[in-house]
């Protein structure tokens, strides 16, 4: 593809292409909200040029948003037919748009993805996608941490029902060890009486590993 204003990358071959920072395996399944810096957009060359050719501006902005659903996230295919299909345009119409001095691929450039595919990326879209992924990972980590805390809190209640000492139930290191062991060895839901048998096996394994009653240094 040799559309005008499609940024060229240094070097003579595709071996010189920059690596795209987002993996093809990354997913944002619930990604329905897009961060959009309107102040930045107001000051952008893209917006200024779009006033001269609103049709190109419209399809260019469409590509910004369409790329959020592509894989890797935030990229576009290089194939003209694929791009035309993405926008619901005929190939002839798409090629006519890319032949204009200002075209919808303004500031898009080729990158190499971690699956070996060469696609198009845009610096602003990449920045937005990386921020969305960071936020997603932080939220996921926070939810997972809460789930672990709740599961271990329920484990303490189960240990008390099994007549375990208050000292053991208050030993966060031992409870965490038991929880990890049970996650690996207990099958099914943590419901009595089946869970009681698994707790017994976990306590035996903890004793053999020297976890129970061990002196804890300052955390």
N, C-alpha and C. Protein backbone atom coordinates (compact mmCIF):
# COMPACT_ATOMS: atom_id res chain seq x y z
N UNK A 1 0.85 -1.18 0.00
CA UNK A 1 0.00 0.00 0.00
C UNK A 1 0.88 1.23 0.00
N UNK A 2 0.60 2.17 -0.86
CA UNK A 2 1.44 3.35 -0.95
C UNK A 2 0.60 4.62 -0.94
N UNK A 3 -0.38 4.66 -0.06
CA UNK A 3 -1.26 5.83 0.02
C UNK A 3 -0.49 7.02 0.52
N UNK A 4 -0.82 8.23 0.04
CA UNK A 4 -0.16 9.43 0.54
C UNK A 4 -0.36 9.59 2.04
N UNK A 5 0.64 10.14 2.68
CA UNK A 5 0.61 10.41 4.13
C UNK A 5 0.55 9.14 4.97
N UNK A 6 0.80 7.97 4.36
CA UNK A 6 1.01 6.76 5.16
C UNK A 6 2.47 6.77 5.54
N UNK A 7 2.76 7.01 6.81
CA UNK A 7 4.13 7.25 7.25
C UNK A 7 5.04 6.10 6.88
N UNK A 8 6.20 6.41 6.33
CA UNK A 8 7.17 5.41 5.98
C UNK A 8 8.14 5.20 7.15
N UNK A 9 8.61 3.96 7.29
CA UNK A 9 9.54 3.62 8.35
C UNK A 9 10.90 3.38 7.73
N UNK A 10 11.96 3.81 8.43
CA UNK A 10 13.30 3.70 7.89
C UNK A 10 13.68 2.28 7.53
N UNK A 11 14.57 2.13 6.54
CA UNK A 11 15.01 0.80 6.12
C UNK A 11 14.40 0.42 4.80
N UNK A 12 14.95 -0.61 4.20
CA UNK A 12 14.51 -1.01 2.87
C UNK A 12 13.56 -2.18 2.89
N UNK A 13 13.41 -2.86 4.02
CA UNK A 13 12.56 -4.04 4.05
C UNK A 13 11.73 -4.11 5.30
N UNK A 14 10.88 -5.13 5.35
CA UNK A 14 9.98 -5.27 6.49
C UNK A 14 10.72 -5.74 7.73
N UNK A 15 11.96 -6.17 7.58
CA UNK A 15 12.75 -6.56 8.75
C UNK A 15 13.08 -5.36 9.62
N UNK A 16 12.97 -4.15 9.05
CA UNK A 16 13.29 -2.93 9.79
C UNK A 16 12.06 -2.31 10.47
N UNK A 17 10.92 -2.96 10.36
CA UNK A 17 9.71 -2.39 10.93
C UNK A 17 9.77 -2.40 12.46
N UNK A 18 9.18 -1.39 13.10
CA UNK A 18 9.14 -1.40 14.57
C UNK A 18 8.19 -2.48 15.07
N UNK A 19 8.46 -2.99 16.27
CA UNK A 19 7.59 -3.99 16.88
C UNK A 19 6.40 -3.31 17.53
N UNK A 20 5.22 -3.86 17.31
CA UNK A 20 4.03 -3.32 17.94
C UNK A 20 4.01 -3.75 19.40
N UNK A 21 3.76 -2.83 20.34
CA UNK A 21 3.91 -3.14 21.77
C UNK A 21 2.79 -3.97 22.38
N UNK A 22 1.69 -4.16 21.66
CA UNK A 22 0.55 -4.90 22.21
C UNK A 22 0.49 -6.28 21.55
N UNK A 23 0.38 -7.31 22.37
CA UNK A 23 0.37 -8.68 21.85
C UNK A 23 -0.96 -9.01 21.17
N UNK A 24 -0.89 -9.89 20.18
CA UNK A 24 -2.10 -10.36 19.51
C UNK A 24 -2.97 -11.18 20.46
N UNK A 25 -2.39 -11.64 21.56
CA UNK A 25 -3.15 -12.44 22.54
C UNK A 25 -3.89 -11.57 23.56
N UNK A 26 -3.58 -10.28 23.61
CA UNK A 26 -4.26 -9.38 24.56
C UNK A 26 -5.71 -9.18 24.16
N UNK A 27 -6.59 -9.19 25.14
CA UNK A 27 -8.02 -9.03 24.89
C UNK A 27 -8.62 -7.99 25.83
N UNK A 28 -9.64 -7.30 25.32
CA UNK A 28 -10.46 -6.40 26.13
C UNK A 28 -11.91 -6.74 25.81
N UNK A 29 -12.38 -7.84 26.39
CA UNK A 29 -13.69 -8.36 26.02
C UNK A 29 -14.83 -7.40 26.33
N UNK A 30 -14.66 -6.60 27.36
CA UNK A 30 -15.72 -5.66 27.73
C UNK A 30 -15.35 -4.23 27.36
N UNK A 31 -14.56 -4.10 26.28
CA UNK A 31 -14.06 -2.78 25.89
C UNK A 31 -15.11 -2.04 25.07
N UNK A 32 -15.97 -1.28 25.75
CA UNK A 32 -17.01 -0.52 25.06
C UNK A 32 -16.83 0.99 25.26
N UNK A 33 -15.84 1.36 26.07
CA UNK A 33 -15.59 2.78 26.35
C UNK A 33 -14.20 3.14 25.84
N UNK A 34 -14.10 4.20 25.05
CA UNK A 34 -12.84 4.64 24.47
C UNK A 34 -12.43 5.99 25.07
N UNK A 35 -11.22 6.06 25.61
CA UNK A 35 -10.72 7.35 26.09
C UNK A 35 -10.50 8.26 24.88
N UNK A 36 -11.07 9.45 24.95
CA UNK A 36 -10.94 10.38 23.82
C UNK A 36 -10.60 11.76 24.37
N UNK A 37 -9.36 12.18 24.13
CA UNK A 37 -8.89 13.48 24.60
C UNK A 37 -9.34 14.54 23.61
N UNK A 38 -10.46 15.20 23.91
CA UNK A 38 -11.03 16.13 22.94
C UNK A 38 -10.17 17.37 22.77
N UNK A 39 -9.45 17.79 23.84
CA UNK A 39 -8.54 18.94 23.70
C UNK A 39 -7.41 18.62 22.72
N UNK A 40 -6.88 17.44 22.86
CA UNK A 40 -5.81 17.02 21.95
C UNK A 40 -6.33 16.92 20.53
N UNK A 41 -7.55 16.38 20.39
CA UNK A 41 -8.14 16.26 19.06
C UNK A 41 -8.41 17.64 18.45
N UNK A 42 -8.88 18.58 19.27
CA UNK A 42 -9.16 19.93 18.77
C UNK A 42 -7.91 20.58 18.19
N UNK A 43 -6.75 20.26 18.77
CA UNK A 43 -5.50 20.89 18.33
C UNK A 43 -4.77 20.09 17.26
N UNK A 44 -5.32 18.96 16.87
CA UNK A 44 -4.60 18.05 15.98
C UNK A 44 -4.62 18.51 14.52
N UNK A 45 -3.57 18.12 13.80
CA UNK A 45 -3.53 18.36 12.36
C UNK A 45 -4.64 17.60 11.65
N UNK A 46 -4.95 16.42 12.18
CA UNK A 46 -5.99 15.60 11.55
C UNK A 46 -7.33 16.34 11.53
N UNK A 47 -7.69 16.95 12.66
CA UNK A 47 -8.96 17.69 12.71
C UNK A 47 -8.93 18.90 11.79
N UNK A 48 -7.80 19.60 11.78
CA UNK A 48 -7.68 20.78 10.93
C UNK A 48 -7.82 20.40 9.45
N UNK A 49 -7.18 19.32 9.06
CA UNK A 49 -7.26 18.87 7.67
C UNK A 49 -8.65 18.32 7.34
N UNK A 50 -9.32 17.78 8.35
CA UNK A 50 -10.65 17.20 8.12
C UNK A 50 -11.67 18.26 7.71
N UNK A 51 -11.47 19.49 8.15
CA UNK A 51 -12.38 20.56 7.74
C UNK A 51 -12.29 20.81 6.24
N UNK A 52 -11.13 20.54 5.67
CA UNK A 52 -10.96 20.72 4.23
C UNK A 52 -11.58 19.56 3.45
N UNK A 53 -11.60 18.38 4.07
CA UNK A 53 -12.18 17.20 3.41
C UNK A 53 -12.92 16.38 4.46
N UNK A 54 -14.16 16.79 4.79
CA UNK A 54 -14.91 16.12 5.86
C UNK A 54 -15.13 14.62 5.61
N UNK A 55 -15.24 14.22 4.35
CA UNK A 55 -15.45 12.80 4.06
C UNK A 55 -14.25 11.97 4.52
N UNK A 56 -13.06 12.43 4.20
CA UNK A 56 -11.86 11.75 4.66
C UNK A 56 -11.78 11.79 6.19
N UNK A 57 -12.12 12.93 6.77
CA UNK A 57 -12.10 13.05 8.23
C UNK A 57 -13.03 12.05 8.90
N UNK A 58 -14.21 11.87 8.31
CA UNK A 58 -15.17 10.93 8.89
C UNK A 58 -14.63 9.50 8.86
N UNK A 59 -14.14 9.06 7.70
CA UNK A 59 -13.65 7.69 7.59
C UNK A 59 -12.35 7.50 8.37
N UNK A 60 -11.55 8.57 8.47
CA UNK A 60 -10.34 8.47 9.28
C UNK A 60 -10.67 8.25 10.73
N UNK A 61 -11.68 8.97 11.23
CA UNK A 61 -12.09 8.80 12.62
C UNK A 61 -12.73 7.42 12.83
N UNK A 62 -13.44 6.94 11.81
CA UNK A 62 -14.01 5.59 11.88
C UNK A 62 -12.90 4.56 12.07
N UNK A 63 -11.79 4.73 11.36
CA UNK A 63 -10.68 3.79 11.49
C UNK A 63 -10.09 3.81 12.89
N UNK A 64 -10.05 5.00 13.50
CA UNK A 64 -9.58 5.09 14.89
C UNK A 64 -10.38 4.12 15.77
N UNK A 65 -11.69 4.19 15.65
CA UNK A 65 -12.56 3.39 16.51
C UNK A 65 -12.62 1.93 16.08
N UNK A 66 -12.62 1.68 14.77
CA UNK A 66 -12.66 0.31 14.28
C UNK A 66 -11.43 -0.47 14.73
N UNK A 67 -10.30 0.20 14.82
CA UNK A 67 -9.07 -0.48 15.19
C UNK A 67 -9.11 -1.05 16.61
N UNK A 68 -9.98 -0.51 17.45
CA UNK A 68 -10.10 -1.00 18.82
C UNK A 68 -10.66 -2.42 18.88
N UNK A 69 -11.33 -2.84 17.84
CA UNK A 69 -11.88 -4.19 17.80
C UNK A 69 -11.06 -5.16 17.00
N UNK A 70 -9.91 -4.71 16.50
CA UNK A 70 -9.06 -5.56 15.69
C UNK A 70 -8.07 -6.34 16.55
N UNK A 71 -7.34 -7.25 15.93
CA UNK A 71 -6.31 -8.01 16.63
C UNK A 71 -5.02 -7.95 15.82
N UNK A 72 -3.93 -7.50 16.45
CA UNK A 72 -3.84 -6.95 17.81
C UNK A 72 -4.68 -5.67 17.97
N UNK A 73 -5.05 -5.41 19.18
CA UNK A 73 -5.85 -4.24 19.49
C UNK A 73 -5.18 -2.97 19.00
N UNK A 74 -5.96 -2.09 18.36
CA UNK A 74 -5.43 -0.80 17.94
C UNK A 74 -4.70 -0.82 16.61
N UNK A 75 -4.81 -1.91 15.85
CA UNK A 75 -4.14 -1.99 14.55
C UNK A 75 -5.17 -2.12 13.44
N UNK A 76 -4.69 -1.97 12.21
CA UNK A 76 -5.52 -2.14 11.02
C UNK A 76 -4.82 -3.07 10.04
N UNK A 77 -5.58 -3.76 9.22
CA UNK A 77 -4.95 -4.56 8.16
C UNK A 77 -4.35 -3.64 7.10
N UNK A 78 -3.37 -4.14 6.38
CA UNK A 78 -2.78 -3.35 5.30
C UNK A 78 -3.52 -3.55 3.98
N UNK A 79 -4.18 -4.67 3.85
CA UNK A 79 -4.83 -5.01 2.58
C UNK A 79 -5.97 -4.03 2.27
N UNK A 80 -5.96 -3.41 1.08
CA UNK A 80 -7.00 -2.43 0.72
C UNK A 80 -8.41 -3.02 0.77
N UNK A 81 -8.57 -4.27 0.34
CA UNK A 81 -9.90 -4.89 0.36
C UNK A 81 -10.39 -5.07 1.79
N UNK A 82 -9.49 -5.45 2.69
CA UNK A 82 -9.87 -5.62 4.10
C UNK A 82 -10.25 -4.30 4.73
N UNK A 83 -9.52 -3.24 4.39
CA UNK A 83 -9.83 -1.92 4.92
C UNK A 83 -11.16 -1.41 4.37
N UNK A 84 -11.41 -1.64 3.08
CA UNK A 84 -12.68 -1.23 2.49
C UNK A 84 -13.84 -1.97 3.15
N UNK A 85 -13.66 -3.27 3.39
CA UNK A 85 -14.70 -4.07 4.04
C UNK A 85 -14.95 -3.58 5.46
N UNK A 86 -13.87 -3.21 6.16
CA UNK A 86 -13.99 -2.74 7.54
C UNK A 86 -14.88 -1.50 7.62
N UNK A 87 -14.81 -0.66 6.58
CA UNK A 87 -15.59 0.58 6.56
C UNK A 87 -16.90 0.44 5.80
N UNK A 88 -17.16 -0.74 5.26
CA UNK A 88 -18.40 -0.93 4.50
C UNK A 88 -18.39 -0.20 3.17
N UNK A 89 -17.21 -0.05 2.58
CA UNK A 89 -17.07 0.66 1.32
C UNK A 89 -16.69 -0.30 0.21
N UNK A 90 -16.96 0.09 -1.02
CA UNK A 90 -16.45 -0.67 -2.15
C UNK A 90 -14.95 -0.43 -2.26
N UNK A 91 -14.25 -1.38 -2.87
CA UNK A 91 -12.81 -1.22 -3.04
C UNK A 91 -12.50 0.02 -3.87
N UNK A 92 -13.33 0.28 -4.89
CA UNK A 92 -13.12 1.45 -5.74
C UNK A 92 -13.25 2.74 -4.93
N UNK A 93 -14.26 2.80 -4.06
CA UNK A 93 -14.46 3.99 -3.23
C UNK A 93 -13.28 4.18 -2.28
N UNK A 94 -12.84 3.09 -1.65
CA UNK A 94 -11.73 3.18 -0.71
C UNK A 94 -10.45 3.64 -1.41
N UNK A 95 -10.17 3.07 -2.54
CA UNK A 95 -8.96 3.46 -3.27
C UNK A 95 -9.02 4.92 -3.69
N UNK A 96 -10.21 5.40 -4.01
CA UNK A 96 -10.37 6.81 -4.34
C UNK A 96 -10.05 7.71 -3.16
N UNK A 97 -10.44 7.28 -1.95
CA UNK A 97 -10.14 8.06 -0.74
C UNK A 97 -8.65 8.08 -0.45
N UNK A 98 -7.98 6.94 -0.63
CA UNK A 98 -6.55 6.87 -0.30
C UNK A 98 -5.68 7.61 -1.32
N UNK A 99 -6.24 7.90 -2.49
CA UNK A 99 -5.48 8.63 -3.50
C UNK A 99 -5.51 10.14 -3.29
N UNK A 100 -6.33 10.59 -2.34
CA UNK A 100 -6.37 12.02 -2.06
C UNK A 100 -5.14 12.46 -1.28
N UNK A 101 -4.82 13.74 -1.40
CA UNK A 101 -3.64 14.27 -0.72
C UNK A 101 -3.74 14.04 0.80
N UNK A 102 -4.90 14.28 1.37
CA UNK A 102 -5.19 13.96 2.77
C UNK A 102 -6.14 12.78 2.73
N UNK A 103 -5.74 11.67 3.34
CA UNK A 103 -6.55 10.45 3.23
C UNK A 103 -6.78 9.82 4.60
N UNK A 104 -7.69 8.85 4.70
CA UNK A 104 -8.06 8.28 6.01
C UNK A 104 -6.91 7.59 6.75
N UNK A 105 -5.83 7.25 6.05
CA UNK A 105 -4.70 6.58 6.71
C UNK A 105 -3.63 7.57 7.16
N UNK A 106 -4.02 8.80 7.36
CA UNK A 106 -3.09 9.84 7.81
C UNK A 106 -2.43 9.43 9.13
N UNK A 107 -1.11 9.35 9.11
CA UNK A 107 -0.27 9.02 10.27
C UNK A 107 -0.32 7.56 10.70
N UNK A 108 -0.94 6.68 9.92
CA UNK A 108 -0.83 5.25 10.17
C UNK A 108 0.45 4.75 9.52
N UNK A 109 1.10 3.77 10.13
CA UNK A 109 2.37 3.27 9.61
C UNK A 109 2.49 1.77 9.89
N UNK A 110 3.29 1.05 9.10
CA UNK A 110 3.40 -0.41 9.27
C UNK A 110 4.23 -0.79 10.48
N UNK A 111 3.78 -1.84 11.15
CA UNK A 111 4.49 -2.39 12.31
C UNK A 111 4.47 -3.91 12.22
N UNK A 112 5.40 -4.52 12.90
CA UNK A 112 5.41 -5.98 12.98
C UNK A 112 4.80 -6.42 14.30
N UNK A 113 3.82 -7.31 14.23
CA UNK A 113 3.13 -7.80 15.43
C UNK A 113 3.79 -9.08 15.93
N UNK A 114 3.51 -9.44 17.17
CA UNK A 114 4.19 -10.60 17.75
C UNK A 114 3.73 -11.93 17.17
N UNK A 115 2.68 -11.91 16.35
CA UNK A 115 2.26 -13.14 15.65
C UNK A 115 2.86 -13.21 14.25
N UNK A 116 3.78 -12.29 13.96
CA UNK A 116 4.45 -12.30 12.67
C UNK A 116 3.77 -11.48 11.59
N UNK A 117 2.56 -11.03 11.86
CA UNK A 117 1.81 -10.28 10.87
C UNK A 117 2.28 -8.82 10.83
N UNK A 118 2.26 -8.23 9.65
CA UNK A 118 2.55 -6.81 9.50
C UNK A 118 1.23 -6.08 9.32
N UNK A 119 0.98 -5.12 10.19
CA UNK A 119 -0.26 -4.37 10.15
C UNK A 119 0.04 -2.88 10.28
N UNK A 120 -1.00 -2.07 10.36
CA UNK A 120 -0.84 -0.63 10.49
C UNK A 120 -1.15 -0.19 11.91
N UNK A 121 -0.37 0.77 12.40
CA UNK A 121 -0.58 1.32 13.74
C UNK A 121 -0.57 2.84 13.66
N UNK A 122 -1.17 3.45 14.67
CA UNK A 122 -1.21 4.91 14.76
C UNK A 122 -0.73 5.29 16.16
N UNK A 123 0.18 6.25 16.29
CA UNK A 123 0.76 6.55 17.62
C UNK A 123 -0.28 6.91 18.68
N UNK A 124 -1.29 7.67 18.31
CA UNK A 124 -2.30 8.08 19.30
C UNK A 124 -3.17 6.89 19.68
N UNK A 125 -3.58 6.09 18.71
CA UNK A 125 -4.41 4.92 18.99
C UNK A 125 -3.63 3.94 19.87
N UNK A 126 -2.36 3.73 19.56
CA UNK A 126 -1.54 2.83 20.37
C UNK A 126 -1.46 3.31 21.82
N UNK A 127 -1.29 4.60 22.00
CA UNK A 127 -1.22 5.18 23.35
C UNK A 127 -2.53 4.94 24.11
N UNK A 128 -3.65 5.13 23.43
CA UNK A 128 -4.96 4.93 24.06
C UNK A 128 -5.16 3.46 24.42
N UNK A 129 -4.76 2.56 23.51
CA UNK A 129 -4.96 1.14 23.76
C UNK A 129 -4.09 0.66 24.92
N UNK A 130 -2.85 1.15 24.99
CA UNK A 130 -1.98 0.74 26.10
C UNK A 130 -2.55 1.21 27.43
N UNK A 131 -3.10 2.43 27.46
CA UNK A 131 -3.72 2.94 28.69
C UNK A 131 -4.93 2.10 29.07
N UNK A 132 -5.73 1.70 28.08
CA UNK A 132 -6.91 0.87 28.34
C UNK A 132 -6.51 -0.49 28.88
N UNK A 133 -5.45 -1.07 28.32
CA UNK A 133 -4.97 -2.37 28.78
C UNK A 133 -4.43 -2.28 30.20
N UNK A 134 -3.67 -1.23 30.49
CA UNK A 134 -3.14 -1.04 31.85
C UNK A 134 -4.28 -0.93 32.86
N UNK A 135 -5.31 -0.15 32.51
CA UNK A 135 -6.46 0.00 33.40
C UNK A 135 -7.18 -1.33 33.59
N UNK A 136 -7.32 -2.07 32.50
CA UNK A 136 -7.99 -3.38 32.55
C UNK A 136 -7.22 -4.34 33.46
N UNK A 137 -5.90 -4.35 33.33
CA UNK A 137 -5.08 -5.27 34.13
C UNK A 137 -5.12 -4.89 35.60
N UNK A 138 -5.09 -3.59 35.89
CA UNK A 138 -5.16 -3.14 37.28
C UNK A 138 -6.51 -3.52 37.90
N UNK A 139 -7.57 -3.33 37.12
CA UNK A 139 -8.91 -3.69 37.62
C UNK A 139 -9.02 -5.19 37.86
N UNK A 140 -8.48 -5.97 36.91
CA UNK A 140 -8.52 -7.42 37.05
C UNK A 140 -7.73 -7.89 38.26
N UNK A 141 -6.52 -7.29 38.42
CA UNK A 141 -5.68 -7.65 39.56
C UNK A 141 -6.37 -7.30 40.87
N UNK A 142 -7.04 -6.15 40.90
CA UNK A 142 -7.75 -5.73 42.11
C UNK A 142 -8.87 -6.70 42.43
N UNK A 143 -9.63 -7.11 41.40
CA UNK A 143 -10.73 -8.05 41.62
C UNK A 143 -10.22 -9.41 42.07
N UNK A 144 -9.09 -9.84 41.48
CA UNK A 144 -8.53 -11.13 41.85
C UNK A 144 -8.03 -11.11 43.29
N UNK A 145 -7.43 -9.97 43.69
CA UNK A 145 -6.95 -9.83 45.06
C UNK A 145 -8.12 -9.88 46.05
N UNK A 146 -9.22 -9.22 45.69
CA UNK A 146 -10.41 -9.25 46.55
C UNK A 146 -10.96 -10.67 46.64
N UNK A 147 -10.95 -11.40 45.53
CA UNK A 147 -11.47 -12.76 45.52
C UNK A 147 -10.63 -13.67 46.42
N UNK A 148 -9.31 -13.49 46.37
CA UNK A 148 -8.43 -14.28 47.22
C UNK A 148 -8.69 -13.97 48.69
N UNK A 149 -8.83 -12.69 49.04
CA UNK A 149 -9.09 -12.31 50.43
C UNK A 149 -10.40 -12.91 50.93
N UNK A 150 -11.44 -12.86 50.09
CA UNK A 150 -12.73 -13.43 50.49
C UNK A 150 -12.64 -14.95 50.64
N UNK A 151 -11.92 -15.60 49.72
CA UNK A 151 -11.80 -17.06 49.79
C UNK A 151 -11.05 -17.48 51.05
N UNK A 152 -10.01 -16.75 51.41
CA UNK A 152 -9.24 -17.10 52.61
C UNK A 152 -10.00 -16.76 53.89
N UNK A 153 -10.83 -15.75 53.81
CA UNK A 153 -11.68 -15.44 54.96
C UNK A 153 -12.66 -16.58 55.20
N UNK A 154 -13.23 -17.13 54.11
CA UNK A 154 -14.14 -18.27 54.25
C UNK A 154 -13.39 -19.52 54.71
N UNK A 155 -12.12 -19.64 54.28
CA UNK A 155 -11.31 -20.78 54.72
C UNK A 155 -11.09 -20.72 56.23
N UNK A 156 -10.85 -19.53 56.76
CA UNK A 156 -10.67 -19.39 58.20
C UNK A 156 -11.93 -19.85 58.94
N UNK A 157 -13.10 -19.49 58.41
CA UNK A 157 -14.35 -19.93 59.04
C UNK A 157 -14.46 -21.46 59.00
N UNK A 158 -14.03 -22.05 57.86
CA UNK A 158 -14.09 -23.50 57.74
C UNK A 158 -13.10 -24.16 58.70
N UNK A 159 -11.92 -23.57 58.88
CA UNK A 159 -10.93 -24.11 59.80
C UNK A 159 -11.46 -24.10 61.24
N UNK A 160 -12.17 -23.02 61.59
CA UNK A 160 -12.76 -22.94 62.92
C UNK A 160 -13.80 -24.03 63.12
N UNK A 161 -14.58 -24.30 62.07
CA UNK A 161 -15.60 -25.35 62.15
C UNK A 161 -14.96 -26.72 62.30
N UNK A 162 -13.72 -26.83 61.83
CA UNK A 162 -12.99 -28.10 61.95
C UNK A 162 -12.18 -28.15 63.25
N UNK A 163 -12.47 -27.24 64.16
CA UNK A 163 -11.85 -27.18 65.50
C UNK A 163 -10.37 -26.84 65.46
N UNK A 164 -9.95 -26.10 64.44
CA UNK A 164 -8.58 -25.61 64.40
C UNK A 164 -8.42 -24.47 65.40
N UNK A 165 -7.21 -24.29 65.89
CA UNK A 165 -6.97 -23.29 66.93
C UNK A 165 -7.10 -21.87 66.39
N UNK A 166 -7.35 -20.95 67.31
CA UNK A 166 -7.40 -19.53 66.94
C UNK A 166 -6.05 -19.07 66.41
N UNK A 167 -4.96 -19.63 66.95
CA UNK A 167 -3.62 -19.26 66.52
C UNK A 167 -3.41 -19.61 65.05
N UNK A 168 -3.88 -20.79 64.66
CA UNK A 168 -3.75 -21.21 63.26
C UNK A 168 -4.58 -20.30 62.37
N UNK A 169 -5.82 -20.03 62.77
CA UNK A 169 -6.71 -19.20 61.95
C UNK A 169 -6.20 -17.77 61.81
N UNK A 170 -5.39 -17.34 62.77
CA UNK A 170 -4.83 -15.98 62.73
C UNK A 170 -3.49 -15.94 62.00
N UNK A 171 -2.95 -17.12 61.67
CA UNK A 171 -1.65 -17.20 60.99
C UNK A 171 -1.87 -17.04 59.49
N UNK A 172 -1.66 -15.82 58.99
CA UNK A 172 -1.95 -15.52 57.59
C UNK A 172 -1.07 -16.34 56.64
N UNK A 173 0.18 -16.59 57.03
CA UNK A 173 1.08 -17.37 56.18
C UNK A 173 0.57 -18.80 56.05
N UNK A 174 0.19 -19.39 57.18
CA UNK A 174 -0.31 -20.76 57.16
C UNK A 174 -1.63 -20.86 56.40
N UNK A 175 -2.52 -19.90 56.60
CA UNK A 175 -3.80 -19.91 55.90
C UNK A 175 -3.58 -19.77 54.39
N UNK A 176 -2.65 -18.91 54.01
CA UNK A 176 -2.35 -18.75 52.58
C UNK A 176 -1.78 -20.04 52.00
N UNK A 177 -0.91 -20.72 52.77
CA UNK A 177 -0.33 -21.98 52.30
C UNK A 177 -1.43 -23.03 52.12
N UNK A 178 -2.30 -23.12 53.11
CA UNK A 178 -3.40 -24.08 53.04
C UNK A 178 -4.33 -23.78 51.86
N UNK A 179 -4.59 -22.49 51.65
CA UNK A 179 -5.46 -22.08 50.54
C UNK A 179 -4.85 -22.48 49.20
N UNK A 180 -3.55 -22.24 49.05
CA UNK A 180 -2.87 -22.61 47.80
C UNK A 180 -2.90 -24.13 47.60
N UNK A 181 -2.69 -24.86 48.67
CA UNK A 181 -2.71 -26.33 48.57
C UNK A 181 -4.10 -26.81 48.18
N UNK A 182 -5.11 -26.24 48.78
CA UNK A 182 -6.48 -26.64 48.48
C UNK A 182 -6.88 -26.26 47.05
N UNK A 183 -6.39 -25.12 46.56
CA UNK A 183 -6.67 -24.72 45.19
C UNK A 183 -6.14 -25.76 44.21
N UNK A 184 -5.03 -26.39 44.57
CA UNK A 184 -4.41 -27.37 43.68
C UNK A 184 -5.00 -28.77 43.85
N UNK A 185 -5.39 -29.12 45.07
CA UNK A 185 -5.74 -30.52 45.34
C UNK A 185 -7.22 -30.77 45.61
N UNK A 186 -7.97 -29.74 45.98
CA UNK A 186 -9.40 -29.95 46.25
C UNK A 186 -10.21 -29.73 44.98
N UNK A 187 -11.04 -30.67 44.63
CA UNK A 187 -11.88 -30.56 43.45
C UNK A 187 -13.31 -30.23 43.85
N UNK A 188 -13.93 -29.38 43.09
CA UNK A 188 -15.31 -29.03 43.37
C UNK A 188 -15.43 -27.86 44.33
N UNK A 189 -16.65 -27.61 44.78
CA UNK A 189 -16.90 -26.48 45.67
C UNK A 189 -16.42 -26.78 47.07
N UNK A 190 -16.15 -25.74 47.81
CA UNK A 190 -15.67 -25.90 49.19
C UNK A 190 -16.84 -26.02 50.13
N UNK A 191 -17.48 -27.17 50.11
CA UNK A 191 -18.64 -27.42 50.94
C UNK A 191 -18.39 -28.63 51.82
N UNK A 192 -18.88 -28.51 53.04
CA UNK A 192 -18.79 -29.64 53.97
C UNK A 192 -19.79 -30.72 53.55
N UNK A 193 -19.53 -32.01 53.81
CA UNK A 193 -18.37 -32.54 54.55
C UNK A 193 -17.16 -32.84 53.67
N UNK A 194 -17.34 -32.77 52.31
CA UNK A 194 -16.22 -33.09 51.43
C UNK A 194 -15.02 -32.18 51.69
N UNK A 195 -15.30 -30.91 51.94
CA UNK A 195 -14.23 -29.96 52.14
C UNK A 195 -13.47 -30.26 53.43
N UNK A 196 -14.17 -30.79 54.43
CA UNK A 196 -13.51 -31.12 55.70
C UNK A 196 -12.42 -32.17 55.48
N UNK A 197 -12.70 -33.14 54.63
CA UNK A 197 -11.70 -34.17 54.35
C UNK A 197 -10.48 -33.56 53.66
N UNK A 198 -10.72 -32.62 52.75
CA UNK A 198 -9.60 -31.96 52.06
C UNK A 198 -8.80 -31.09 53.02
N UNK A 199 -9.49 -30.45 53.97
CA UNK A 199 -8.79 -29.65 54.97
C UNK A 199 -7.88 -30.54 55.81
N UNK A 200 -8.37 -31.72 56.15
CA UNK A 200 -7.54 -32.65 56.91
C UNK A 200 -6.28 -33.03 56.16
N UNK A 201 -6.40 -33.28 54.87
CA UNK A 201 -5.23 -33.62 54.06
C UNK A 201 -4.29 -32.42 53.93
N UNK A 202 -4.88 -31.23 53.82
CA UNK A 202 -4.07 -30.01 53.71
C UNK A 202 -3.29 -29.77 54.99
N UNK A 203 -3.92 -29.97 56.15
CA UNK A 203 -3.25 -29.78 57.43
C UNK A 203 -2.11 -30.77 57.60
N UNK A 204 -2.31 -32.01 57.14
CA UNK A 204 -1.26 -33.02 57.22
C UNK A 204 -0.08 -32.61 56.35
N UNK A 205 -0.37 -32.12 55.13
CA UNK A 205 0.69 -31.69 54.22
C UNK A 205 1.42 -30.47 54.79
N UNK A 206 0.66 -29.58 55.43
CA UNK A 206 1.28 -28.38 56.02
C UNK A 206 2.20 -28.75 57.17
N UNK A 207 1.77 -29.73 57.98
CA UNK A 207 2.61 -30.17 59.09
C UNK A 207 3.89 -30.80 58.58
N UNK A 208 3.79 -31.62 57.55
CA UNK A 208 4.97 -32.27 56.98
C UNK A 208 5.91 -31.24 56.36
N UNK A 209 5.35 -30.14 55.86
CA UNK A 209 6.18 -29.09 55.25
C UNK A 209 6.72 -28.11 56.28
N UNK A 210 6.36 -28.30 57.55
CA UNK A 210 6.86 -27.43 58.60
C UNK A 210 6.19 -26.07 58.63
N UNK A 211 5.00 -25.98 58.06
CA UNK A 211 4.29 -24.69 58.00
C UNK A 211 3.58 -24.40 59.30
N UNK A 212 3.01 -25.41 59.90
CA UNK A 212 2.21 -25.22 61.12
C UNK A 212 3.11 -24.97 62.31
N UNK A 213 2.77 -23.96 63.07
CA UNK A 213 3.50 -23.66 64.30
C UNK A 213 4.87 -23.05 64.06
N UNK A 214 5.20 -22.72 62.86
CA UNK A 214 6.51 -22.13 62.59
C UNK A 214 6.58 -20.72 63.14
N UNK A 215 7.77 -20.34 63.60
CA UNK A 215 7.94 -18.98 64.12
C UNK A 215 8.01 -18.02 62.94
N UNK A 216 7.23 -16.96 63.00
CA UNK A 216 7.21 -15.98 61.92
C UNK A 216 8.02 -14.75 62.31
N UNK A 217 8.89 -14.34 61.44
CA UNK A 217 9.62 -13.11 61.66
C UNK A 217 8.76 -11.94 61.28
N UNK A 218 9.24 -10.72 61.48
CA UNK A 218 8.46 -9.53 61.08
C UNK A 218 8.24 -9.50 59.59
N UNK A 219 7.04 -9.12 59.17
CA UNK A 219 6.70 -9.08 57.76
C UNK A 219 7.20 -7.77 57.18
